[in-house]
Amino acid sequence: MTTQSFLYDTQEVIGKLWNKYPSPEHRQLLGVARDALFYVYVTGKRYRLEDFRKDIGSGLHCPPDTQERPGDDFTGLDAQLNSTECFFKKLRDETTSARQRNLLQAILDTLLFISSTGQHSGFSEYLEHLEADAPPYAIASFNTKEEVEAWLKNHPAPPDFAHVLVANAYHDVVYERERNFRRMLRSRTLEYHLADLKKRHPPAAVASFATLEDAEAWLKAQPTPARWAWVSIAGEPYLAVYHPNLQHRALYPLSMANGYEVEDDEEEPGEP
C-alpha cells in the first residue's frame, strides 16, 4: 500500500465515521485517529509502520517488556490514545466487511505504533503544530542543497516522504525502499499556505521593521516565538515562522503567494 493510498483509504473510513458519530466524545476520538495517521504521513514513517505491523502481526500487542511507556508529561495523551484504541477495536469487532475490518486494523496499528514505540513527544509536538494552525510541518533543516543531498544519500532509512527546509525554502524528500530511490524536489507548499493564510487571517502586523536585518534580529531575540505571526518590513507583509522541533526561525514575504491563490470551491474540506 502506497503512502497516498494508505492515508486516503483510512481517512475515508474516518470521514464516514465522522458523520455516523457526531457526539463531541466520539469526534474527539476520531480526531486523535485522524491526526495520528497524518503524523505518520508528514513525518515519513510509513515504512517504519509497515515493519512494525509485520513484527507484531495484525491485532497483536507489543509484549509488555518491550513497550516503551510515556513520561509523566504525556500521561494524558497516552490515555487519549488508549481510549481511541478501545473505540476502534469495538468498531473492528462489530464490522462484517473484510475491507472495513482491515482498514480499522490499520488505524489501530497506527495508534499502537505511536503509543508503544515512545513517540508521545513527537506526536504531542505535532498536535501543538496543528492547534497553532502553523505552516507546513518540516522534519529537518539544512543550510545548503549539498547538505540535504548528502543526508538523503547516506541516511540508512530516510522518510518515504516529508518536507525539509533548505536555506529556509521548502523541499520534499522522497524515498522508495523497494528501489532504493531517493530524491529531493522543490516544494510550493508554503506558497499555497501563505495564499490560504492571507484569506483566513489577513495580515495584521505584530511588529514593524525598516529592514529585513532588523526583523531577523528581532525574531532571533525572541526566547519562544509564536509558531507564526505577521510582521511588516519596509511596508511589506512577511510571515515570521518558528519551527520548535527544529529550533529554526524564518521570514517569508507574502508576495511569495502571488499566483498561488486557490478558488473557494477548490479548497479541501476542513473535517475530518
Protein backbone atom coordinates (compact mmCIF):
# COMPACT_ATOMS: atom_id res chain seq x y z
CA MET A 1 0.00 0.00 0.00
CA THR A 2 1.44 3.35 -1.03
CA THR A 3 1.65 6.31 1.32
CA GLN A 4 -1.11 8.08 -0.55
CA SER A 5 -3.47 5.09 -0.68
CA PHE A 6 -2.86 4.24 2.97
CA LEU A 7 -3.72 7.78 4.01
CA TYR A 8 -6.65 8.14 1.62
CA ASP A 9 -8.30 4.81 2.47
CA THR A 10 -8.00 5.17 6.24
CA GLN A 11 -9.12 8.81 6.18
CA GLU A 12 -12.12 7.75 4.10
CA VAL A 13 -13.12 5.43 6.93
CA ILE A 14 -12.75 8.21 9.49
CA GLY A 15 -14.75 10.58 7.29
CA LYS A 16 -17.70 8.16 7.21
CA LEU A 17 -17.47 7.59 10.97
CA TRP A 18 -17.36 11.38 11.47
CA ASN A 19 -20.86 11.60 10.03
CA LYS A 20 -22.10 8.49 11.86
CA TYR A 21 -20.83 9.55 15.31
CA PRO A 22 -21.48 13.30 15.73
CA SER A 23 -21.12 13.47 19.52
CA PRO A 24 -18.18 15.54 20.87
CA GLU A 25 -16.81 12.48 22.69
CA HIS A 26 -16.73 10.33 19.57
CA ARG A 27 -15.37 13.10 17.40
CA GLN A 28 -12.53 13.67 19.85
CA LEU A 29 -11.56 10.00 19.45
CA LEU A 30 -11.89 10.20 15.67
CA GLY A 31 -9.77 13.35 15.70
CA VAL A 32 -6.98 11.54 17.56
CA ALA A 33 -7.00 8.76 14.95
CA ARG A 34 -7.09 11.25 12.05
CA ASP A 35 -4.15 13.18 13.47
CA ALA A 36 -2.19 10.00 14.20
CA LEU A 37 -2.48 8.97 10.56
CA PHE A 38 -1.36 12.38 9.33
CA TYR A 39 1.51 12.37 11.85
CA VAL A 40 2.87 9.15 10.32
CA TYR A 41 2.41 10.64 6.84
CA VAL A 42 4.02 14.06 7.35
CA THR A 43 6.99 12.62 9.27
CA GLY A 44 7.66 9.98 6.60
CA LYS A 45 7.23 6.96 8.88
CA ARG A 46 5.23 4.69 6.58
CA TYR A 47 8.00 2.10 6.20
CA ARG A 48 8.58 2.06 9.95
CA LEU A 49 4.87 1.47 10.43
CA GLU A 50 4.88 -1.31 7.83
CA ASP A 51 7.78 -3.04 9.60
CA PHE A 52 6.06 -2.59 12.96
CA ARG A 53 2.89 -4.22 11.65
CA LYS A 54 4.85 -7.17 10.28
CA ASP A 55 6.69 -7.64 13.57
CA ILE A 56 3.64 -7.66 15.80
CA GLY A 57 1.16 -9.28 13.43
CA SER A 58 -2.22 -7.69 12.84
CA GLY A 59 -4.14 -7.19 16.05
CA LEU A 60 -1.34 -8.28 18.38
CA HIS A 61 0.07 -6.03 21.10
CA CYS A 62 3.75 -5.50 21.73
CA PRO A 63 4.98 -7.62 24.62
CA PRO A 64 4.88 -5.58 27.84
CA ASP A 65 8.62 -5.83 28.40
CA THR A 66 9.35 -4.19 25.03
CA GLN A 67 6.71 -1.47 25.17
CA GLU A 68 8.06 1.99 25.86
CA ARG A 69 5.97 3.93 28.35
CA PRO A 70 5.44 7.68 28.22
CA GLY A 71 6.84 10.08 30.78
CA ASP A 72 4.63 11.92 33.23
CA ASP A 73 4.24 14.81 30.76
CA PHE A 74 2.34 12.58 28.33
CA THR A 75 0.03 10.53 30.55
CA GLY A 76 -2.98 12.50 29.24
CA LEU A 77 -2.02 11.83 25.63
CA ASP A 78 -1.44 8.16 26.41
CA ALA A 79 -4.90 7.94 27.93
CA GLN A 80 -6.37 9.51 24.77
CA LEU A 81 -4.55 7.00 22.58
CA ASN A 82 -5.77 4.11 24.74
CA SER A 83 -9.38 5.34 24.64
CA THR A 84 -9.17 5.73 20.88
CA GLU A 85 -7.78 2.20 20.54
CA CYS A 86 -10.70 0.81 22.55
CA PHE A 87 -13.19 2.65 20.36
CA PHE A 88 -11.69 1.35 17.13
CA LYS A 89 -11.35 -2.19 18.48
CA LYS A 90 -15.08 -2.21 19.13
CA LEU A 91 -15.78 -0.97 15.62
CA ARG A 92 -13.42 -3.57 14.15
CA ASP A 93 -15.02 -6.43 16.07
CA GLU A 94 -18.53 -5.36 15.05
CA THR A 95 -17.95 -4.98 11.30
CA THR A 96 -18.76 -7.75 8.83
CA SER A 97 -16.85 -6.18 5.94
CA ALA A 98 -13.38 -7.64 5.38
CA ARG A 99 -12.13 -4.41 3.78
CA GLN A 100 -13.53 -2.28 6.60
CA ARG A 101 -12.00 -4.60 9.19
CA ASN A 102 -8.58 -4.40 7.53
CA LEU A 103 -8.71 -0.58 7.39
CA LEU A 104 -9.86 -0.33 11.01
CA GLN A 105 -6.98 -2.65 11.94
CA ALA A 106 -4.57 -0.37 10.06
CA ILE A 107 -5.81 2.57 12.13
CA LEU A 108 -5.43 0.53 15.32
CA ASP A 109 -1.89 -0.47 14.37
CA THR A 110 -1.04 3.19 13.73
CA LEU A 111 -2.24 4.16 17.20
CA LEU A 112 -0.30 1.28 18.75
CA PHE A 113 2.78 2.20 16.70
CA ILE A 114 2.81 5.66 18.29
CA SER A 115 1.91 4.59 21.81
CA SER A 116 4.24 1.58 22.09
CA THR A 117 7.39 2.97 20.42
CA GLY A 118 7.90 6.05 22.58
CA GLN A 119 6.61 8.65 20.10
CA HIS A 120 4.48 10.59 22.57
CA SER A 121 6.77 13.61 22.48
CA GLY A 122 6.85 13.80 18.67
CA PHE A 123 3.11 13.25 18.35
CA SER A 124 2.36 15.81 21.05
CA GLU A 125 4.53 18.37 19.28
CA TYR A 126 2.71 17.66 16.03
CA LEU A 127 -0.67 18.14 17.73
CA GLU A 128 0.52 21.51 19.04
CA HIS A 129 1.57 22.36 15.50
CA LEU A 130 -1.94 21.60 14.24
CA GLU A 131 -3.57 23.53 17.07
CA ALA A 132 -1.49 26.59 16.20
CA ASP A 133 -2.53 26.41 12.52
CA ALA A 134 1.20 26.57 11.80
CA PRO A 135 2.90 26.49 8.36
CA PRO A 136 3.59 23.09 6.73
CA TYR A 137 5.40 20.71 9.06
CA ALA A 138 9.10 20.16 8.30
CA ILE A 139 11.26 17.41 9.80
CA ALA A 140 14.76 18.81 9.18
CA SER A 141 16.60 21.98 8.24
CA PHE A 142 19.77 22.41 6.15
CA ASN A 143 21.85 25.36 5.01
CA THR A 144 22.63 24.12 1.51
CA LYS A 145 21.28 21.76 -1.14
CA GLU A 146 24.51 19.77 -0.93
CA GLU A 147 23.95 19.13 2.78
CA VAL A 148 20.47 17.71 2.31
CA GLU A 149 21.53 15.63 -0.69
CA ALA A 150 24.35 14.10 1.35
CA TRP A 151 21.95 13.45 4.25
CA LEU A 152 19.43 11.79 1.95
CA LYS A 153 22.08 9.69 0.22
CA ASN A 154 23.67 8.40 3.44
CA HIS A 155 20.55 8.01 5.59
CA PRO A 156 20.01 4.29 6.35
CA ALA A 157 16.21 4.69 6.40
CA PRO A 158 15.10 8.13 5.15
CA PRO A 159 11.48 9.26 5.36
CA ASP A 160 9.37 7.97 2.49
CA PHE A 161 8.01 11.50 2.10
CA ALA A 162 8.50 14.65 4.16
CA HIS A 163 9.10 18.38 3.96
CA VAL A 164 12.59 19.70 4.76
CA LEU A 165 13.96 23.23 4.76
CA VAL A 166 16.96 24.18 2.63
CA ALA A 167 18.10 27.73 3.36
CA ASN A 168 14.53 28.38 4.58
CA ALA A 169 12.97 27.12 1.32
CA TYR A 170 10.63 24.13 1.45
CA HIS A 171 11.66 20.95 -0.36
CA ASP A 172 10.17 17.45 -0.48
CA VAL A 173 12.31 14.38 0.09
CA VAL A 174 11.04 11.15 -1.43
CA TYR A 175 12.23 7.59 -0.74
CA GLU A 176 11.08 4.32 -2.29
CA ARG A 177 12.60 1.47 -0.35
CA GLU A 178 11.96 -1.25 -2.93
CA ARG A 179 14.19 0.50 -5.50
CA ASN A 180 16.30 2.49 -3.03
CA PHE A 181 15.06 5.53 -4.94
CA ARG A 182 15.92 8.82 -3.22
CA ARG A 183 15.13 12.28 -4.50
CA MET A 184 14.67 15.87 -3.39
CA LEU A 185 12.24 18.25 -5.11
CA ARG A 186 11.42 21.91 -4.67
CA SER A 187 8.05 22.26 -2.97
CA ARG A 188 5.47 25.02 -3.37
CA THR A 189 3.52 24.01 -0.26
CA LEU A 190 4.45 27.21 1.57
CA GLU A 191 3.26 29.41 -1.28
CA TYR A 192 -0.18 27.78 -1.16
CA HIS A 193 -0.19 28.01 2.63
CA LEU A 194 0.57 31.73 2.51
CA ALA A 195 -2.23 32.30 0.00
CA ASP A 196 -4.67 30.39 2.20
CA LEU A 197 -3.47 32.10 5.39
CA LYS A 198 -3.91 35.52 3.79
CA LYS A 199 -7.60 34.72 3.22
CA ARG A 200 -8.25 33.19 6.64
CA HIS A 201 -6.07 35.53 8.71
CA PRO A 202 -5.49 38.79 6.78
CA PRO A 203 -2.10 40.32 7.64
CA ALA A 204 -2.12 42.38 10.84
CA ALA A 205 1.49 43.05 11.78
CA VAL A 206 2.53 42.46 15.39
CA ALA A 207 5.72 44.44 14.74
CA SER A 208 7.17 46.68 12.02
CA PHE A 209 10.76 47.00 10.82
CA ALA A 210 12.67 49.15 8.40
CA THR A 211 14.88 46.34 7.09
CA LEU A 212 14.97 42.55 6.82
CA GLU A 213 18.05 42.54 9.05
CA ASP A 214 16.13 44.33 11.81
CA ALA A 215 13.31 41.80 11.57
CA GLU A 216 15.73 38.86 11.66
CA ALA A 217 17.42 40.27 14.75
CA TRP A 218 14.04 40.71 16.45
CA LEU A 219 12.94 37.17 15.61
CA LYS A 220 16.24 35.71 16.78
CA ALA A 221 15.99 37.57 20.10
CA GLN A 222 12.55 36.12 20.96
CA PRO A 223 13.01 33.40 23.63
CA THR A 224 9.96 31.40 22.49
CA PRO A 225 8.32 32.97 19.43
CA ALA A 226 4.83 32.16 18.28
CA ARG A 227 4.80 29.48 15.60
CA TRP A 228 3.75 32.17 13.15
CA ALA A 229 2.97 35.87 13.14
CA TRP A 230 2.56 38.63 10.59
CA VAL A 231 5.17 41.40 10.62
CA SER A 232 5.82 44.38 8.34
CA ILE A 233 9.20 45.00 6.70
CA ALA A 234 9.60 48.24 4.78
CA GLY A 235 5.83 48.35 4.49
CA GLU A 236 5.52 44.82 3.08
CA PRO A 237 3.83 41.93 4.98
CA TYR A 238 6.00 38.98 5.96
CA LEU A 239 5.26 35.78 7.85
CA ALA A 240 7.58 35.18 10.81
CA VAL A 241 7.79 31.41 11.38
CA TYR A 242 9.19 29.35 14.24
CA HIS A 243 9.72 25.59 13.99
CA PRO A 244 10.24 24.47 17.61
CA ASN A 245 11.02 20.86 16.62
CA LEU A 246 13.95 22.22 14.58
CA GLN A 247 14.75 25.31 16.66
CA HIS A 248 14.53 27.14 13.36
CA ARG A 249 13.22 30.66 12.59
CA ALA A 250 12.49 32.18 9.20
CA LEU A 251 10.79 35.13 7.49
CA TYR A 252 8.77 34.76 4.31
CA PRO A 253 7.37 37.63 2.20
CA LEU A 254 3.66 37.36 1.50
CA SER A 255 4.47 38.19 -2.12
CA MET A 256 5.59 34.54 -2.46
CA ALA A 257 1.88 33.68 -2.60
CA ASN A 258 1.24 35.72 -5.73
CA GLY A 259 -0.29 33.41 -8.33
CA TYR A 260 -0.95 30.58 -5.86
CA GLU A 261 -4.42 31.59 -4.70
CA VAL A 262 -6.93 28.73 -4.58
CA GLU A 263 -10.55 29.31 -5.54
CA ASP A 264 -13.08 28.77 -2.75
CA ASP A 265 -14.74 25.81 -4.49
CA GLU A 266 -11.33 24.11 -4.85
CA GLU A 267 -10.48 24.19 -1.20
CA GLU A 268 -10.31 20.96 0.72
CA PRO A 269 -12.93 20.46 3.46
CA GLY A 270 -11.73 21.09 6.98
CA GLU A 271 -13.25 17.96 8.56
CA PRO A 272 -12.37 15.41 9.37
